[in-house]
Each structure stands twice: as structure tokens, then as C-alpha cells.
Amino acid sequence: MNDSIMLSLLVFAGVLFSLGFVGFLTRRSLILMFLSLEMMLAGVSINLITFAKHHGNFQGQVMSIMVLSIAACEAAIALALVVSLYRRKATLDVKEWDELSETIVPDEPELLTKISHTEMHFPTLTPSGLDPMQSPIPADYKAEIGAVNVSSDKKSETVTHA
């Protein structure tokens, strides 16, 4: 393959991918977003075919066929999703579907400062081999796990390191 042809195909694929990327980020209609996504996939496919032709093998062409078949499945699922969403709100504007997004979860250290130590309760699990329906840990139970000795009575549980 001539280098100028390869360069022009790679530039075309890059422009196609870039236009699809910008279209995906700037459009608010679901249909236009999916069309922009298809443009991006077409740019990737052209890129794969160009490099496969340049190297003289068929791997890029086979991969391009795989990408196009997956894109067809994605388009069918996207169309079903668009129809379902349109039936609910009679609009395809992405901003109308903000209630589907997750709420902002505060960082964990902030949560720990709001909870006092008296409110924090950690559950205790029944040791392996004991029936959980009986008392959690029998008074005469002593187990040695590695370097940790576990012993308890019916009132409290203590863990001591050996």
C-alpha cells in the first residue's frame, strides 16, 4: 500500500473518530449520541483495515468485521432502549434522565467523623465448626488460629495475640 494512501486513510479515520467523539460529548439527544458512537466505531474499523492492509495480513479485517457485528448488536439494543425511554417521558433529552444517575456519596472519612464510637457496632460471627443457633461462642471454646488465640466467655469476647 502506498504511504500517501495509508496516511490519508489514517487521517480520515482519525477525523471520523474525532467528529464522533465531539458529537457524543456535545449532543443531548440519545439518537444523535448513538449515531456519534457509530461514527467512532467506523473510524476504528477503517483504522484496523488500513493497518491490516499495510502489514499484509487479514487480522485487522477480521477484527473490523467483529467490531461491526458488535456495533450492530449495540445499535439494536440502543434502539430498544431509546424506544423504551421515549415511551416513559416522551422526550429523548439526556438531561431529563438525571434521576437515573447515582447520588454523590461522601468520602468515607467524613462518614466516620459523623458517627460517634458508641453508635458503631461491629457484628460478631460464629467461629467455624460451631452451630450458630447456639450461643455465639461457648464459654469453654478456645481456638488457636495462627498466632491469634481466641477465647471468650458468655458475657464478652476477647482476642489476644500470642
C-alpha atoms as a PDB file:
ATOM      1  CA  MET A   1       0.000   0.000   0.000  1.00  0.00           C
ATOM      2  CA  ASN A   2       1.252   3.434  -0.906  1.00  0.00           C
ATOM      3  CA  ASP A   3       2.273   5.521   2.109  1.00  0.00           C
ATOM      4  CA  SER A   4       0.267   8.544   0.968  1.00  0.00           C
ATOM      5  CA  ILE A   5      -2.893   6.432   0.661  1.00  0.00           C
ATOM      6  CA  MET A   6      -2.268   4.921   4.077  1.00  0.00           C
ATOM      7  CA  LEU A   7      -1.700   8.345   5.589  1.00  0.00           C
ATOM      8  CA  SER A   8      -4.879   9.734   4.044  1.00  0.00           C
ATOM      9  CA  LEU A   9      -6.911   6.761   5.307  1.00  0.00           C
ATOM     10  CA  LEU A  10      -5.481   7.144   8.819  1.00  0.00           C
ATOM     11  CA  VAL A  11      -6.233  10.872   8.804  1.00  0.00           C
ATOM     12  CA  PHE A  12      -9.768  10.155   7.577  1.00  0.00           C
ATOM     13  CA  ALA A  13     -10.243   7.545  10.322  1.00  0.00           C
ATOM     14  CA  GLY A  14      -8.909   9.961  12.932  1.00  0.00           C
ATOM     15  CA  VAL A  15     -11.193  12.763  11.745  1.00  0.00           C
ATOM     16  CA  LEU A  16     -14.179  10.408  11.715  1.00  0.00           C
ATOM     17  CA  PHE A  17     -13.397   9.208  15.237  1.00  0.00           C
ATOM     18  CA  SER A  18     -12.846  12.779  16.471  1.00  0.00           C
ATOM     19  CA  LEU A  19     -16.118  14.011  14.972  1.00  0.00           C
ATOM     20  CA  GLY A  20     -17.934  11.112  16.594  1.00  0.00           C
ATOM     21  CA  PHE A  21     -16.269  11.824  19.941  1.00  0.00           C
ATOM     22  CA  VAL A  22     -17.137  15.523  19.846  1.00  0.00           C
ATOM     23  CA  GLY A  23     -20.667  14.692  18.727  1.00  0.00           C
ATOM     24  CA  PHE A  24     -21.087  12.229  21.586  1.00  0.00           C
ATOM     25  CA  LEU A  25     -19.934  14.774  24.155  1.00  0.00           C
ATOM     26  CA  THR A  26     -21.923  17.739  22.831  1.00  0.00           C
ATOM     27  CA  ARG A  27     -25.270  16.243  21.807  1.00  0.00           C
ATOM     28  CA  ARG A  28     -28.150  15.817  24.213  1.00  0.00           C
ATOM     29  CA  SER A  29     -30.387  13.635  22.067  1.00  0.00           C
ATOM     30  CA  LEU A  30     -29.981   9.916  22.630  1.00  0.00           C
ATOM     31  CA  ILE A  31     -30.290   9.104  18.930  1.00  0.00           C
ATOM     32  CA  LEU A  32     -27.567  11.582  17.967  1.00  0.00           C
ATOM     33  CA  MET A  33     -25.356  10.237  20.742  1.00  0.00           C
ATOM     34  CA  PHE A  34     -25.707   6.700  19.389  1.00  0.00           C
ATOM     35  CA  LEU A  35     -25.030   7.903  15.837  1.00  0.00           C
ATOM     36  CA  SER A  36     -21.877   9.618  17.087  1.00  0.00           C
ATOM     37  CA  LEU A  37     -20.850   6.390  18.771  1.00  0.00           C
ATOM     38  CA  GLU A  38     -21.326   4.553  15.474  1.00  0.00           C
ATOM     39  CA  MET A  39     -19.107   7.153  13.763  1.00  0.00           C
ATOM     40  CA  MET A  40     -16.405   6.444  16.323  1.00  0.00           C
ATOM     41  CA  LEU A  41     -16.660   2.704  15.669  1.00  0.00           C
ATOM     42  CA  ALA A  42     -16.468   3.303  11.909  1.00  0.00           C
ATOM     43  CA  GLY A  43     -13.269   5.313  12.415  1.00  0.00           C
ATOM     44  CA  VAL A  44     -11.765   2.480  14.444  1.00  0.00           C
ATOM     45  CA  SER A  45     -12.764  -0.044  11.762  1.00  0.00           C
ATOM     46  CA  ILE A  46     -11.137   1.990   8.990  1.00  0.00           C
ATOM     47  CA  ASN A  47      -8.021   2.258  11.121  1.00  0.00           C
ATOM     48  CA  LEU A  48      -7.917  -1.522  11.671  1.00  0.00           C
ATOM     49  CA  ILE A  49      -8.405  -2.272   7.975  1.00  0.00           C
ATOM     50  CA  THR A  50      -5.708   0.231   6.981  1.00  0.00           C
ATOM     51  CA  PHE A  51      -3.115  -1.271   9.289  1.00  0.00           C
ATOM     52  CA  ALA A  52      -4.059  -4.813   8.253  1.00  0.00           C
ATOM     53  CA  LYS A  53      -3.600  -3.920   4.589  1.00  0.00           C
ATOM     54  CA  HIS A  54      -0.284  -2.226   5.365  1.00  0.00           C
ATOM     55  CA  HIS A  55       1.075  -5.282   7.187  1.00  0.00           C
ATOM     56  CA  GLY A  56      -0.300  -7.713   4.614  1.00  0.00           C
ATOM     57  CA  ASN A  57      -2.495  -9.810   6.894  1.00  0.00           C
ATOM     58  CA  PHE A  58      -6.190 -10.237   7.497  1.00  0.00           C
ATOM     59  CA  GLN A  59      -6.258  -9.847  11.276  1.00  0.00           C
ATOM     60  CA  GLY A  60      -7.384  -6.221  11.179  1.00  0.00           C
ATOM     61  CA  GLN A  61     -10.097  -7.009   8.661  1.00  0.00           C
ATOM     62  CA  VAL A  62     -11.414  -9.861  10.788  1.00  0.00           C
ATOM     63  CA  MET A  63     -11.323  -7.615  13.837  1.00  0.00           C
ATOM     64  CA  SER A  64     -13.174  -4.937  11.876  1.00  0.00           C
ATOM     65  CA  ILE A  65     -15.916  -7.425  10.986  1.00  0.00           C
ATOM     66  CA  MET A  66     -16.164  -8.316  14.680  1.00  0.00           C
ATOM     67  CA  VAL A  67     -16.420  -4.620  15.615  1.00  0.00           C
ATOM     68  CA  LEU A  68     -19.138  -4.047  13.024  1.00  0.00           C
ATOM     69  CA  SER A  69     -21.151  -7.071  14.165  1.00  0.00           C
ATOM     70  CA  ILE A  70     -20.912  -5.961  17.797  1.00  0.00           C
ATOM     71  CA  ALA A  71     -21.892  -2.442  16.707  1.00  0.00           C
ATOM     72  CA  ALA A  72     -24.989  -3.862  15.010  1.00  0.00           C
ATOM     73  CA  CYS A  73     -25.981  -5.649  18.220  1.00  0.00           C
ATOM     74  CA  GLU A  74     -25.311  -2.479  20.190  1.00  0.00           C
ATOM     75  CA  ALA A  75     -27.478  -0.488  17.786  1.00  0.00           C
ATOM     76  CA  ALA A  76     -30.371  -2.924  18.203  1.00  0.00           C
ATOM     77  CA  ILE A  77     -30.151  -2.750  21.999  1.00  0.00           C
ATOM     78  CA  ALA A  78     -29.785   1.030  21.873  1.00  0.00           C
ATOM     79  CA  LEU A  79     -32.855   1.352  19.671  1.00  0.00           C
ATOM     80  CA  ALA A  80     -34.893  -0.739  22.099  1.00  0.00           C
ATOM     81  CA  LEU A  81     -33.624   1.401  24.976  1.00  0.00           C
ATOM     82  CA  VAL A  82     -34.444   4.638  23.150  1.00  0.00           C
ATOM     83  CA  VAL A  83     -37.974   3.454  22.371  1.00  0.00           C
ATOM     84  CA  SER A  84     -38.500   2.406  25.988  1.00  0.00           C
ATOM     85  CA  LEU A  85     -37.195   5.706  27.344  1.00  0.00           C
ATOM     86  CA  TYR A  86     -39.261   7.713  24.870  1.00  0.00           C
ATOM     87  CA  ARG A  87     -42.431   5.924  25.948  1.00  0.00           C
ATOM     88  CA  ARG A  88     -41.792   6.909  29.567  1.00  0.00           C
ATOM     89  CA  LYS A  89     -41.182  10.643  29.219  1.00  0.00           C
ATOM     90  CA  ALA A  90     -41.923  11.449  25.561  1.00  0.00           C
ATOM     91  CA  THR A  91     -38.511  13.077  25.168  1.00  0.00           C
ATOM     92  CA  LEU A  92     -35.040  11.928  24.191  1.00  0.00           C
ATOM     93  CA  ASP A  93     -33.186  14.710  26.001  1.00  0.00           C
ATOM     94  CA  VAL A  94     -30.462  13.255  28.217  1.00  0.00           C
ATOM     95  CA  LYS A  95     -30.922  15.968  30.861  1.00  0.00           C
ATOM     96  CA  GLU A  96     -34.416  14.642  31.585  1.00  0.00           C
ATOM     97  CA  TRP A  97     -32.941  11.367  32.814  1.00  0.00           C
ATOM     98  CA  ASP A  98     -30.826  12.765  35.657  1.00  0.00           C
ATOM     99  CA  GLU A  99     -32.793  10.857  38.283  1.00  0.00           C
ATOM    100  CA  LEU A 100     -31.229   7.645  36.979  1.00  0.00           C
ATOM    101  CA  SER A 101     -27.750   8.796  37.988  1.00  0.00           C
ATOM    102  CA  GLU A 102     -26.211   7.956  41.328  1.00  0.00           C
ATOM    103  CA  THR A 103     -26.243  10.434  44.149  1.00  0.00           C
ATOM    104  CA  ILE A 104     -22.911  11.757  45.294  1.00  0.00           C
ATOM    105  CA  VAL A 105     -21.608   9.610  48.126  1.00  0.00           C
ATOM    106  CA  PRO A 106     -19.457  11.474  50.657  1.00  0.00           C
ATOM    107  CA  ASP A 107     -15.951  10.263  51.319  1.00  0.00           C
ATOM    108  CA  GLU A 108     -15.502   7.612  53.980  1.00  0.00           C
ATOM    109  CA  PRO A 109     -13.507   9.749  56.487  1.00  0.00           C
ATOM    110  CA  GLU A 110     -16.357  12.262  56.600  1.00  0.00           C
ATOM    111  CA  LEU A 111     -18.791   9.484  57.426  1.00  0.00           C
ATOM    112  CA  LEU A 112     -16.624   8.190  60.238  1.00  0.00           C
ATOM    113  CA  THR A 113     -16.378  11.604  61.893  1.00  0.00           C
ATOM    114  CA  LYS A 114     -20.167  11.957  61.935  1.00  0.00           C
ATOM    115  CA  ILE A 115     -20.690   8.595  63.661  1.00  0.00           C
ATOM    116  CA  SER A 116     -19.773   8.504  67.321  1.00  0.00           C
ATOM    117  CA  HIS A 117     -17.945   5.496  68.696  1.00  0.00           C
ATOM    118  CA  THR A 118     -20.956   4.480  70.765  1.00  0.00           C
ATOM    119  CA  GLU A 119     -23.062   4.168  67.607  1.00  0.00           C
ATOM    120  CA  MET A 120     -20.530   1.926  65.876  1.00  0.00           C
ATOM    121  CA  HIS A 121     -21.474  -1.718  66.270  1.00  0.00           C
ATOM    122  CA  PHE A 122     -19.495  -4.462  64.644  1.00  0.00           C
ATOM    123  CA  PRO A 123     -21.187  -7.844  64.330  1.00  0.00           C
ATOM    124  CA  THR A 124     -19.501 -10.951  65.632  1.00  0.00           C
ATOM    125  CA  LEU A 125     -19.524 -14.136  63.624  1.00  0.00           C
ATOM    126  CA  THR A 126     -19.779 -17.630  64.948  1.00  0.00           C
ATOM    127  CA  PRO A 127     -16.432 -19.447  64.684  1.00  0.00           C
ATOM    128  CA  SER A 128     -16.102 -22.189  62.130  1.00  0.00           C
ATOM    129  CA  GLY A 129     -17.448 -25.556  63.210  1.00  0.00           C
ATOM    130  CA  LEU A 130     -19.927 -24.224  65.786  1.00  0.00           C
ATOM    131  CA  ASP A 131     -23.690 -24.151  65.443  1.00  0.00           C
ATOM    132  CA  PRO A 132     -24.811 -20.525  65.004  1.00  0.00           C
ATOM    133  CA  MET A 133     -28.167 -21.275  66.635  1.00  0.00           C
ATOM    134  CA  GLN A 134     -26.449 -21.897  69.981  1.00  0.00           C
ATOM    135  CA  SER A 135     -24.803 -19.133  71.975  1.00  0.00           C
ATOM    136  CA  PRO A 136     -22.328 -17.268  69.753  1.00  0.00           C
ATOM    137  CA  ILE A 137     -19.209 -18.685  71.414  1.00  0.00           C
ATOM    138  CA  PRO A 138     -19.388 -21.276  74.205  1.00  0.00           C
ATOM    139  CA  ALA A 139     -17.565 -20.429  77.428  1.00  0.00           C
ATOM    140  CA  ASP A 140     -15.206 -23.391  77.118  1.00  0.00           C
ATOM    141  CA  TYR A 141     -14.296 -22.678  73.478  1.00  0.00           C
ATOM    142  CA  LYS A 142     -10.635 -21.921  72.837  1.00  0.00           C
ATOM    143  CA  ALA A 143      -9.180 -21.851  69.364  1.00  0.00           C
ATOM    144  CA  GLU A 144      -5.713 -21.031  68.218  1.00  0.00           C
ATOM    145  CA  ILE A 145      -5.566 -19.629  64.709  1.00  0.00           C
ATOM    146  CA  GLY A 146      -2.035 -18.965  63.558  1.00  0.00           C
ATOM    147  CA  ALA A 147      -0.604 -16.508  66.062  1.00  0.00           C
ATOM    148  CA  VAL A 148      -4.003 -15.415  67.399  1.00  0.00           C
ATOM    149  CA  ASN A 149      -5.631 -17.032  70.426  1.00  0.00           C
ATOM    150  CA  VAL A 150      -9.389 -16.628  70.586  1.00  0.00           C
ATOM    151  CA  SER A 151     -11.083 -17.227  73.902  1.00  0.00           C
ATOM    152  CA  SER A 152     -14.339 -15.976  75.314  1.00  0.00           C
ATOM    153  CA  ASP A 153     -16.952 -16.387  77.945  1.00  0.00           C
ATOM    154  CA  LYS A 154     -20.699 -15.892  77.603  1.00  0.00           C
ATOM    155  CA  LYS A 155     -20.505 -12.200  78.540  1.00  0.00           C
ATOM    156  CA  SER A 156     -17.806 -10.874  76.246  1.00  0.00           C
ATOM    157  CA  GLU A 157     -15.380 -11.884  73.573  1.00  0.00           C
ATOM    158  CA  THR A 158     -11.667 -11.194  73.872  1.00  0.00           C
ATOM    159  CA  VAL A 159      -8.984 -11.651  71.281  1.00  0.00           C
ATOM    160  CA  THR A 160      -5.401 -11.857  72.434  1.00  0.00           C
ATOM    161  CA  HIS A 161      -2.294 -12.084  70.316  1.00  0.00           C
ATOM    162  CA  ALA A 162       0.174 -14.790  71.296  1.00  0.00           C
END
